[in-house]
Amino acid sequence: QVQLVESGGGLMQPGGSLRLSCAASGRTFSSYAMGWFRQAPGKEREFVAGISRSATLKVYADSVRGRFTISRDNTKNEMYLQMNTLKPEDTAIYYCAAGWGALVDVLVQSNAYHYWGQGTQVTVSS
């Protein structure tokens, strides 16, 4: 089992940047494919970005491609989401998730993930 804790959210003006972190407990972090999801008020949770166990493969939602970058450090049991050129529509609670996968799997569907963090609020507003 793995426990996930997100950090780094906050209030940012449009065009600004934030970096989210996801810290994982346990010694098997590298065994999990990881992902970021978000949920805006009144909307369903949506996929943002995913990364394979070895970090060789990354997948992004169309809405964030070119602005967000997902990465992970298996030596630190951490995953990150660098968010640049933020827009008001990026406002949401951001969740990190971990799921079992093959070495090169990137999980896109939320039901493929087994463990979830509590979320961190990101608000983009002037």
N, C-alpha and C. Protein backbone atom coordinates (compact mmCIF):
# COMPACT_ATOMS: atom_id res chain seq x y z
N GLN A 1 0.84 -1.19 0.00
CA GLN A 1 0.00 0.00 0.00
C GLN A 1 0.88 1.24 0.00
N VAL A 2 0.37 2.32 -0.56
CA VAL A 2 1.12 3.57 -0.62
C VAL A 2 0.20 4.71 -0.22
N GLN A 3 0.74 5.64 0.52
CA GLN A 3 0.00 6.85 0.88
C GLN A 3 0.58 8.03 0.13
N LEU A 4 -0.31 8.89 -0.35
CA LEU A 4 0.09 10.01 -1.20
C LEU A 4 -0.33 11.33 -0.56
N VAL A 5 0.57 12.30 -0.58
CA VAL A 5 0.28 13.61 -0.02
C VAL A 5 0.70 14.68 -1.02
N GLU A 6 -0.26 15.48 -1.47
CA GLU A 6 0.01 16.57 -2.40
C GLU A 6 0.36 17.85 -1.65
N SER A 7 1.14 18.70 -2.31
CA SER A 7 1.46 20.02 -1.77
C SER A 7 1.77 20.95 -2.93
N GLY A 8 1.80 22.25 -2.63
CA GLY A 8 2.20 23.23 -3.63
C GLY A 8 1.08 24.01 -4.25
N GLY A 9 -0.15 23.70 -3.90
CA GLY A 9 -1.27 24.47 -4.45
C GLY A 9 -1.33 25.87 -3.86
N GLY A 10 -2.23 26.66 -4.42
CA GLY A 10 -2.39 28.02 -3.91
C GLY A 10 -3.11 28.90 -4.90
N LEU A 11 -3.02 30.20 -4.65
CA LEU A 11 -3.65 31.20 -5.51
C LEU A 11 -2.60 31.82 -6.41
N MET A 12 -2.91 31.87 -7.70
CA MET A 12 -1.96 32.43 -8.67
C MET A 12 -2.73 33.24 -9.70
N GLN A 13 -2.10 34.29 -10.18
CA GLN A 13 -2.71 35.09 -11.23
C GLN A 13 -2.60 34.38 -12.58
N PRO A 14 -3.51 34.67 -13.49
CA PRO A 14 -3.39 34.10 -14.84
C PRO A 14 -2.04 34.41 -15.45
N GLY A 15 -1.47 33.41 -16.10
CA GLY A 15 -0.15 33.55 -16.70
C GLY A 15 0.98 33.13 -15.78
N GLY A 16 0.66 32.91 -14.52
CA GLY A 16 1.68 32.53 -13.56
C GLY A 16 1.98 31.04 -13.58
N SER A 17 2.83 30.63 -12.64
CA SER A 17 3.28 29.24 -12.55
C SER A 17 3.15 28.72 -11.13
N LEU A 18 2.91 27.43 -11.04
CA LEU A 18 2.93 26.71 -9.77
C LEU A 18 3.55 25.34 -10.00
N ARG A 19 4.14 24.81 -8.95
CA ARG A 19 4.68 23.46 -9.02
C ARG A 19 4.06 22.63 -7.91
N LEU A 20 3.34 21.60 -8.30
CA LEU A 20 2.74 20.68 -7.35
C LEU A 20 3.70 19.52 -7.10
N SER A 21 3.67 19.04 -5.86
CA SER A 21 4.46 17.86 -5.50
C SER A 21 3.53 16.81 -4.92
N CYS A 22 3.92 15.56 -5.09
CA CYS A 22 3.20 14.44 -4.52
C CYS A 22 4.23 13.54 -3.86
N ALA A 23 4.16 13.44 -2.54
CA ALA A 23 5.09 12.61 -1.79
C ALA A 23 4.42 11.28 -1.48
N ALA A 24 5.14 10.20 -1.74
CA ALA A 24 4.60 8.86 -1.52
C ALA A 24 5.34 8.15 -0.40
N SER A 25 4.60 7.43 0.41
CA SER A 25 5.21 6.64 1.46
C SER A 25 5.56 5.27 0.89
N GLY A 26 6.34 4.52 1.65
CA GLY A 26 6.64 3.17 1.22
C GLY A 26 7.88 3.09 0.35
N ARG A 27 8.32 1.87 0.09
CA ARG A 27 9.56 1.64 -0.63
C ARG A 27 9.32 1.11 -2.04
N THR A 28 8.07 1.15 -2.51
CA THR A 28 7.78 0.57 -3.81
C THR A 28 7.26 1.61 -4.79
N PHE A 29 7.63 2.86 -4.59
CA PHE A 29 7.14 3.95 -5.43
C PHE A 29 7.40 3.67 -6.90
N SER A 30 8.57 3.15 -7.21
CA SER A 30 8.92 2.90 -8.61
C SER A 30 8.09 1.79 -9.25
N SER A 31 7.30 1.09 -8.45
CA SER A 31 6.44 0.03 -8.97
C SER A 31 5.12 0.57 -9.52
N TYR A 32 4.87 1.84 -9.30
CA TYR A 32 3.59 2.42 -9.66
C TYR A 32 3.70 3.39 -10.84
N ALA A 33 2.74 3.26 -11.75
CA ALA A 33 2.49 4.35 -12.68
C ALA A 33 1.78 5.44 -11.90
N MET A 34 2.08 6.70 -12.23
CA MET A 34 1.56 7.82 -11.46
C MET A 34 0.80 8.77 -12.37
N GLY A 35 -0.10 9.51 -11.75
CA GLY A 35 -0.86 10.47 -12.55
C GLY A 35 -1.38 11.62 -11.72
N TRP A 36 -1.76 12.67 -12.42
CA TRP A 36 -2.42 13.83 -11.83
C TRP A 36 -3.82 13.95 -12.45
N PHE A 37 -4.78 14.18 -11.58
CA PHE A 37 -6.15 14.46 -11.99
C PHE A 37 -6.58 15.76 -11.34
N ARG A 38 -7.67 16.32 -11.83
CA ARG A 38 -8.22 17.52 -11.20
C ARG A 38 -9.73 17.50 -11.26
N GLN A 39 -10.33 18.21 -10.32
CA GLN A 39 -11.79 18.31 -10.28
C GLN A 39 -12.18 19.74 -9.95
N ALA A 40 -12.86 20.36 -10.88
CA ALA A 40 -13.37 21.71 -10.69
C ALA A 40 -14.77 21.65 -10.09
N PRO A 41 -15.21 22.72 -9.44
CA PRO A 41 -16.55 22.72 -8.84
C PRO A 41 -17.63 22.39 -9.86
N GLY A 42 -18.47 21.44 -9.53
CA GLY A 42 -19.58 21.08 -10.40
C GLY A 42 -19.20 20.22 -11.60
N LYS A 43 -17.94 19.81 -11.66
CA LYS A 43 -17.48 19.00 -12.79
C LYS A 43 -16.93 17.67 -12.31
N GLU A 44 -16.84 16.73 -13.24
CA GLU A 44 -16.26 15.43 -12.91
C GLU A 44 -14.74 15.52 -12.86
N ARG A 45 -14.15 14.58 -12.14
CA ARG A 45 -12.70 14.52 -12.07
C ARG A 45 -12.17 14.18 -13.46
N GLU A 46 -11.11 14.87 -13.86
CA GLU A 46 -10.55 14.64 -15.19
C GLU A 46 -9.05 14.40 -15.14
N PHE A 47 -8.59 13.63 -16.10
CA PHE A 47 -7.18 13.33 -16.23
C PHE A 47 -6.42 14.57 -16.66
N VAL A 48 -5.25 14.78 -16.05
CA VAL A 48 -4.39 15.91 -16.40
C VAL A 48 -3.11 15.41 -17.07
N ALA A 49 -2.43 14.49 -16.39
CA ALA A 49 -1.16 13.98 -16.93
C ALA A 49 -0.83 12.67 -16.24
N GLY A 50 -0.09 11.81 -16.97
CA GLY A 50 0.33 10.54 -16.42
C GLY A 50 1.77 10.26 -16.81
N ILE A 51 2.44 9.46 -15.98
CA ILE A 51 3.84 9.14 -16.21
C ILE A 51 4.08 7.69 -15.89
N SER A 52 4.89 7.03 -16.70
CA SER A 52 5.17 5.63 -16.49
C SER A 52 6.12 5.42 -15.31
N ARG A 53 6.27 4.18 -14.92
CA ARG A 53 7.11 3.85 -13.76
C ARG A 53 8.53 4.35 -13.93
N SER A 54 9.06 4.23 -15.13
CA SER A 54 10.45 4.62 -15.38
C SER A 54 10.58 6.06 -15.85
N ALA A 55 9.45 6.75 -15.95
CA ALA A 55 9.41 8.15 -16.41
C ALA A 55 9.77 8.32 -17.87
N THR A 56 9.82 7.23 -18.61
CA THR A 56 10.16 7.34 -20.02
C THR A 56 8.98 7.77 -20.88
N LEU A 57 7.76 7.51 -20.40
CA LEU A 57 6.57 7.88 -21.15
C LEU A 57 5.69 8.80 -20.33
N LYS A 58 5.17 9.83 -21.01
CA LYS A 58 4.30 10.80 -20.36
C LYS A 58 3.12 11.10 -21.30
N VAL A 59 1.97 11.28 -20.73
CA VAL A 59 0.77 11.60 -21.50
C VAL A 59 0.10 12.80 -20.85
N TYR A 60 -0.40 13.69 -21.69
CA TYR A 60 -1.05 14.91 -21.18
C TYR A 60 -2.44 15.06 -21.79
N ALA A 61 -3.34 15.65 -21.02
CA ALA A 61 -4.63 16.06 -21.57
C ALA A 61 -4.39 17.19 -22.56
N ASP A 62 -5.25 17.27 -23.56
CA ASP A 62 -5.09 18.31 -24.57
C ASP A 62 -5.12 19.70 -23.95
N SER A 63 -5.89 19.86 -22.91
CA SER A 63 -6.07 21.18 -22.30
C SER A 63 -4.82 21.70 -21.60
N VAL A 64 -3.86 20.82 -21.30
CA VAL A 64 -2.67 21.26 -20.58
C VAL A 64 -1.38 21.01 -21.34
N ARG A 65 -1.46 20.30 -22.46
CA ARG A 65 -0.25 19.96 -23.21
C ARG A 65 0.45 21.24 -23.65
N GLY A 66 1.76 21.27 -23.41
CA GLY A 66 2.55 22.44 -23.75
C GLY A 66 2.66 23.45 -22.62
N ARG A 67 1.82 23.32 -21.61
CA ARG A 67 1.87 24.24 -20.47
C ARG A 67 2.29 23.52 -19.19
N PHE A 68 1.89 22.26 -19.04
CA PHE A 68 2.19 21.49 -17.83
C PHE A 68 3.24 20.43 -18.16
N THR A 69 4.06 20.12 -17.16
CA THR A 69 5.07 19.07 -17.29
C THR A 69 5.03 18.16 -16.07
N ILE A 70 4.86 16.89 -16.32
CA ILE A 70 4.87 15.90 -15.24
C ILE A 70 6.25 15.27 -15.15
N SER A 71 6.68 14.99 -13.94
CA SER A 71 7.98 14.34 -13.73
C SER A 71 7.93 13.57 -12.43
N ARG A 72 8.93 12.73 -12.22
CA ARG A 72 9.00 11.96 -10.99
C ARG A 72 10.47 11.72 -10.64
N ASP A 73 10.72 11.53 -9.36
CA ASP A 73 12.05 11.18 -8.86
C ASP A 73 11.88 9.94 -7.99
N ASN A 74 12.20 8.79 -8.56
CA ASN A 74 12.00 7.54 -7.83
C ASN A 74 12.95 7.41 -6.63
N THR A 75 14.04 8.16 -6.62
CA THR A 75 14.95 8.10 -5.47
C THR A 75 14.39 8.86 -4.28
N LYS A 76 13.49 9.80 -4.55
CA LYS A 76 12.88 10.59 -3.48
C LYS A 76 11.43 10.21 -3.21
N ASN A 77 10.90 9.26 -3.98
CA ASN A 77 9.49 8.87 -3.86
C ASN A 77 8.57 10.07 -4.07
N GLU A 78 8.87 10.85 -5.08
CA GLU A 78 8.08 12.05 -5.34
C GLU A 78 7.72 12.19 -6.82
N MET A 79 6.58 12.82 -7.04
CA MET A 79 6.14 13.17 -8.38
C MET A 79 5.81 14.66 -8.39
N TYR A 80 5.92 15.27 -9.56
CA TYR A 80 5.74 16.71 -9.65
C TYR A 80 4.85 17.06 -10.85
N LEU A 81 4.25 18.24 -10.75
CA LEU A 81 3.53 18.79 -11.89
C LEU A 81 3.88 20.27 -11.97
N GLN A 82 4.69 20.62 -12.94
CA GLN A 82 5.04 22.01 -13.19
C GLN A 82 3.96 22.61 -14.08
N MET A 83 3.30 23.63 -13.58
CA MET A 83 2.20 24.25 -14.30
C MET A 83 2.57 25.68 -14.66
N ASN A 84 2.68 25.93 -15.95
CA ASN A 84 3.03 27.26 -16.46
C ASN A 84 1.86 27.86 -17.23
N THR A 85 1.92 29.14 -17.43
CA THR A 85 0.89 29.86 -18.19
C THR A 85 -0.51 29.46 -17.70
N LEU A 86 -0.68 29.56 -16.41
CA LEU A 86 -1.95 29.14 -15.81
C LEU A 86 -3.11 29.99 -16.31
N LYS A 87 -4.26 29.33 -16.41
CA LYS A 87 -5.49 29.97 -16.87
C LYS A 87 -6.57 29.82 -15.79
N PRO A 88 -7.55 30.69 -15.78
CA PRO A 88 -8.64 30.53 -14.79
C PRO A 88 -9.30 29.16 -14.86
N GLU A 89 -9.37 28.58 -16.04
CA GLU A 89 -10.00 27.26 -16.17
C GLU A 89 -9.16 26.13 -15.60
N ASP A 90 -7.95 26.44 -15.15
CA ASP A 90 -7.13 25.44 -14.45
C ASP A 90 -7.51 25.35 -12.98
N THR A 91 -8.38 26.23 -12.52
CA THR A 91 -8.80 26.21 -11.13
C THR A 91 -9.52 24.91 -10.81
N ALA A 92 -9.01 24.21 -9.79
CA ALA A 92 -9.55 22.90 -9.43
C ALA A 92 -8.80 22.37 -8.22
N ILE A 93 -9.31 21.29 -7.68
CA ILE A 93 -8.54 20.50 -6.72
C ILE A 93 -7.74 19.49 -7.53
N TYR A 94 -6.45 19.46 -7.28
CA TYR A 94 -5.56 18.55 -8.00
C TYR A 94 -5.20 17.36 -7.12
N TYR A 95 -5.33 16.18 -7.70
CA TYR A 95 -5.08 14.93 -6.99
C TYR A 95 -3.95 14.16 -7.66
N CYS A 96 -3.10 13.55 -6.85
CA CYS A 96 -2.15 12.61 -7.43
C CYS A 96 -2.66 11.20 -7.16
N ALA A 97 -2.27 10.29 -8.03
CA ALA A 97 -2.76 8.92 -7.95
C ALA A 97 -1.67 7.95 -8.36
N ALA A 98 -1.76 6.74 -7.81
CA ALA A 98 -0.80 5.68 -8.11
C ALA A 98 -1.56 4.43 -8.51
N GLY A 99 -1.02 3.74 -9.53
CA GLY A 99 -1.67 2.52 -9.98
C GLY A 99 -0.66 1.50 -10.46
N TRP A 100 -1.06 0.24 -10.37
CA TRP A 100 -0.18 -0.82 -10.86
C TRP A 100 -0.12 -0.78 -12.38
N GLY A 101 1.06 -0.93 -12.91
CA GLY A 101 1.20 -0.95 -14.36
C GLY A 101 2.52 -1.55 -14.77
N ALA A 102 2.61 -1.93 -16.02
CA ALA A 102 3.87 -2.41 -16.56
C ALA A 102 4.86 -1.25 -16.63
N LEU A 103 6.09 -1.57 -16.90
CA LEU A 103 7.16 -0.57 -16.85
C LEU A 103 6.88 0.63 -17.74
N VAL A 104 6.24 0.41 -18.87
CA VAL A 104 6.02 1.51 -19.82
C VAL A 104 4.56 1.93 -19.91
N ASP A 105 3.74 1.49 -18.97
CA ASP A 105 2.33 1.87 -18.99
C ASP A 105 2.15 3.30 -18.49
N VAL A 106 1.27 4.03 -19.16
CA VAL A 106 0.77 5.30 -18.64
C VAL A 106 -0.73 5.13 -18.50
N LEU A 107 -1.23 5.32 -17.29
CA LEU A 107 -2.64 5.09 -16.99
C LEU A 107 -3.41 6.40 -17.16
N VAL A 108 -4.47 6.34 -17.96
CA VAL A 108 -5.26 7.53 -18.26
C VAL A 108 -6.60 7.51 -17.55
N GLN A 109 -7.18 6.34 -17.40
CA GLN A 109 -8.50 6.23 -16.78
C GLN A 109 -8.38 6.26 -15.27
N SER A 110 -9.26 6.99 -14.62
CA SER A 110 -9.20 7.12 -13.17
C SER A 110 -9.41 5.78 -12.47
N ASN A 111 -10.21 4.91 -13.07
CA ASN A 111 -10.47 3.63 -12.41
C ASN A 111 -9.31 2.66 -12.53
N ALA A 112 -8.26 3.05 -13.21
CA ALA A 112 -7.04 2.23 -13.28
C ALA A 112 -6.11 2.51 -12.10
N TYR A 113 -6.40 3.57 -11.37
CA TYR A 113 -5.56 3.94 -10.23
C TYR A 113 -6.10 3.36 -8.93
N HIS A 114 -5.18 2.94 -8.07
CA HIS A 114 -5.58 2.27 -6.85
C HIS A 114 -5.48 3.16 -5.61
N TYR A 115 -4.61 4.15 -5.66
CA TYR A 115 -4.39 4.99 -4.49
C TYR A 115 -4.46 6.46 -4.88
N TRP A 116 -5.04 7.24 -3.98
CA TRP A 116 -5.26 8.65 -4.25
C TRP A 116 -4.83 9.50 -3.05
N GLY A 117 -4.34 10.69 -3.35
CA GLY A 117 -4.09 11.65 -2.29
C GLY A 117 -5.35 12.42 -1.95
N GLN A 118 -5.22 13.33 -0.99
CA GLN A 118 -6.36 14.11 -0.52
C GLN A 118 -6.63 15.34 -1.39
N GLY A 119 -5.67 15.72 -2.19
CA GLY A 119 -5.86 16.83 -3.10
C GLY A 119 -5.29 18.13 -2.57
N THR A 120 -4.96 19.02 -3.49
CA THR A 120 -4.49 20.36 -3.16
C THR A 120 -5.19 21.36 -4.07
N GLN A 121 -5.65 22.45 -3.49
CA GLN A 121 -6.44 23.43 -4.24
C GLN A 121 -5.54 24.34 -5.06
N VAL A 122 -5.86 24.51 -6.31
CA VAL A 122 -5.21 25.47 -7.19
C VAL A 122 -6.28 26.45 -7.67
N THR A 123 -6.04 27.73 -7.41
CA THR A 123 -6.98 28.76 -7.84
C THR A 123 -6.23 29.77 -8.70
N VAL A 124 -6.74 29.98 -9.90
CA VAL A 124 -6.12 30.93 -10.83
C VAL A 124 -7.11 32.07 -11.03
N SER A 125 -6.73 33.22 -10.52
CA SER A 125 -7.65 34.36 -10.56
C SER A 125 -6.86 35.65 -10.41
N SER A 126 -7.35 36.70 -11.05
CA SER A 126 -6.73 38.01 -10.90
C SER A 126 -7.42 38.80 -9.80
